[in-house]
Amino acid sequence: MDSKKMALTAYRALDEKKGEDIKIIDISEISVMADYFLIAHGNNTPQIQALCDNVEEKMHLAGTPVKRIEGNRDSNWILLDFGDIVVHVFNQEDRLFYDLERIWSDGKILHPEALEE
């Protein structure tokens, strides 16, 4: 699966479980670590875990299993590494504190429709 389809699949999985303020950042021109970062937050620990579980399940069904997971069921920030895309799921407070959107501001923030081309 190409990285655009991977990012769209992950976006839809986050959206399906009501992920908050989902951002897709195209970092393909500024980093070799991945093509896209997806960043979202949940309102509580169970929702954060549900978001991650849904992304992992939908990506696996699409033929792209997770390569690495950082964080656990009690974490306020869980990272799911799928190779060409990396999904970050936070609680709101930690998302504001770490502010990945600012750190990766040289990337392009995309709307999901841009991935459907």
Protein backbone atom coordinates (compact mmCIF):
# COMPACT_ATOMS: atom_id res chain seq x y z
CA MET A 1 0.00 0.00 0.00
CA ASP A 2 1.41 3.43 -0.85
CA SER A 3 1.94 6.00 1.87
CA LYS A 4 -1.00 8.20 0.78
CA LYS A 5 -3.42 5.29 1.14
CA MET A 6 -1.81 4.35 4.45
CA ALA A 7 -2.27 7.88 5.77
CA LEU A 8 -5.90 7.98 4.61
CA THR A 9 -6.63 4.59 6.22
CA ALA A 10 -5.13 5.77 9.51
CA TYR A 11 -7.00 9.08 9.31
CA ARG A 12 -10.33 7.31 8.80
CA ALA A 13 -9.60 4.95 11.70
CA LEU A 14 -8.90 7.91 14.00
CA ASP A 15 -11.99 9.73 12.78
CA GLU A 16 -14.17 6.64 13.24
CA LYS A 17 -13.33 6.60 16.97
CA LYS A 18 -13.85 10.36 17.31
CA GLY A 19 -10.19 11.38 17.47
CA GLU A 20 -9.89 15.08 18.23
CA ASP A 21 -8.19 17.64 15.95
CA ILE A 22 -6.67 15.07 13.57
CA LYS A 23 -3.75 16.51 11.61
CA ILE A 24 -1.99 14.95 8.62
CA ILE A 25 1.47 16.40 8.06
CA ASP A 26 3.38 15.60 4.88
CA ILE A 27 7.03 15.40 5.97
CA SER A 28 8.27 13.57 2.87
CA GLU A 29 10.33 16.53 1.66
CA ILE A 30 11.93 17.34 5.02
CA SER A 31 12.59 13.94 6.61
CA VAL A 32 13.69 10.46 5.65
CA MET A 33 11.99 8.85 8.66
CA ALA A 34 8.48 8.80 7.13
CA ASP A 35 6.25 10.41 4.52
CA TYR A 36 3.40 11.41 6.85
CA PHE A 37 2.78 12.09 10.52
CA LEU A 38 -0.77 11.84 11.80
CA ILE A 39 -1.46 13.54 15.11
CA ALA A 40 -4.65 13.30 17.15
CA HIS A 41 -5.77 13.32 20.75
CA GLY A 42 -8.35 11.58 22.84
CA ASN A 43 -10.27 12.82 25.85
CA ASN A 44 -9.25 10.04 28.23
CA THR A 45 -7.05 6.96 28.49
CA PRO A 46 -9.68 4.47 27.25
CA GLN A 47 -10.37 6.62 24.17
CA ILE A 48 -6.64 6.98 23.44
CA GLN A 49 -6.33 3.19 23.55
CA ALA A 50 -9.44 2.74 21.38
CA LEU A 51 -8.01 5.15 18.79
CA CYS A 52 -4.72 3.22 18.69
CA ASP A 53 -6.43 -0.17 18.59
CA ASN A 54 -8.64 0.94 15.68
CA VAL A 55 -5.72 2.34 13.68
CA GLU A 56 -3.72 -0.84 14.27
CA GLU A 57 -6.66 -3.05 13.26
CA LYS A 58 -7.59 -1.08 10.11
CA MET A 59 -3.98 -0.89 8.96
CA HIS A 60 -3.50 -4.62 9.55
CA LEU A 61 -6.67 -5.40 7.55
CA ALA A 62 -5.28 -3.20 4.75
CA GLY A 63 -2.08 -5.27 4.72
CA THR A 64 0.18 -2.94 6.68
CA PRO A 65 0.89 -4.25 10.18
CA VAL A 66 2.46 -1.95 12.76
CA LYS A 67 6.26 -2.13 12.89
CA ARG A 68 6.72 -0.59 16.33
CA ILE A 69 4.63 0.81 19.15
CA GLU A 70 5.96 3.26 21.73
CA GLY A 71 3.84 3.66 24.84
CA ASN A 72 1.32 1.36 26.50
CA ARG A 73 -2.30 1.24 27.65
CA ASP A 74 -1.65 3.78 30.41
CA SER A 75 0.41 6.22 28.33
CA ASN A 76 -0.58 9.79 27.54
CA TRP A 77 1.24 9.55 24.19
CA ILE A 78 1.30 6.46 22.02
CA LEU A 79 3.27 6.28 18.78
CA LEU A 80 2.38 3.75 16.09
CA ASP A 81 5.11 3.33 13.46
CA PHE A 82 3.99 1.86 10.15
CA GLY A 83 7.18 2.73 8.28
CA ASP A 84 6.01 5.32 5.76
CA ILE A 85 3.55 6.85 8.23
CA VAL A 86 3.77 7.47 11.96
CA VAL A 87 0.64 7.98 14.06
CA HIS A 88 0.84 9.95 17.32
CA VAL A 89 -2.10 9.74 19.72
CA PHE A 90 -1.99 11.97 22.79
CA ASN A 91 -4.10 13.16 25.64
CA GLN A 92 -4.87 16.85 25.07
CA GLU A 93 -2.52 18.22 27.72
CA ASP A 94 0.54 16.32 26.45
CA ARG A 95 -0.29 17.18 22.86
CA LEU A 96 -0.22 20.86 23.71
CA PHE A 97 2.99 20.42 25.72
CA TYR A 98 4.96 18.54 23.05
CA ASP A 99 3.45 20.58 20.17
CA LEU A 100 4.59 18.35 17.31
CA GLU A 101 2.70 20.53 14.86
CA ARG A 102 5.11 23.39 15.67
CA ILE A 103 8.19 21.15 15.60
CA TRP A 104 7.20 19.81 12.17
CA SER A 105 5.87 23.15 10.86
CA ASP A 106 8.12 22.87 7.79
CA GLY A 107 5.89 19.99 6.67
CA LYS A 108 2.61 20.52 4.82
CA ILE A 109 -0.65 20.07 6.71
CA LEU A 110 -3.03 18.20 4.42
CA HIS A 111 -6.77 17.69 4.37
CA PRO A 112 -7.80 14.04 3.98
CA GLU A 113 -9.27 14.81 0.55
CA ALA A 114 -5.75 15.54 -0.71
CA LEU A 115 -4.88 11.88 -0.09
CA GLU A 116 -7.77 10.54 -2.16
CA GLU A 117 -6.25 11.57 -5.49
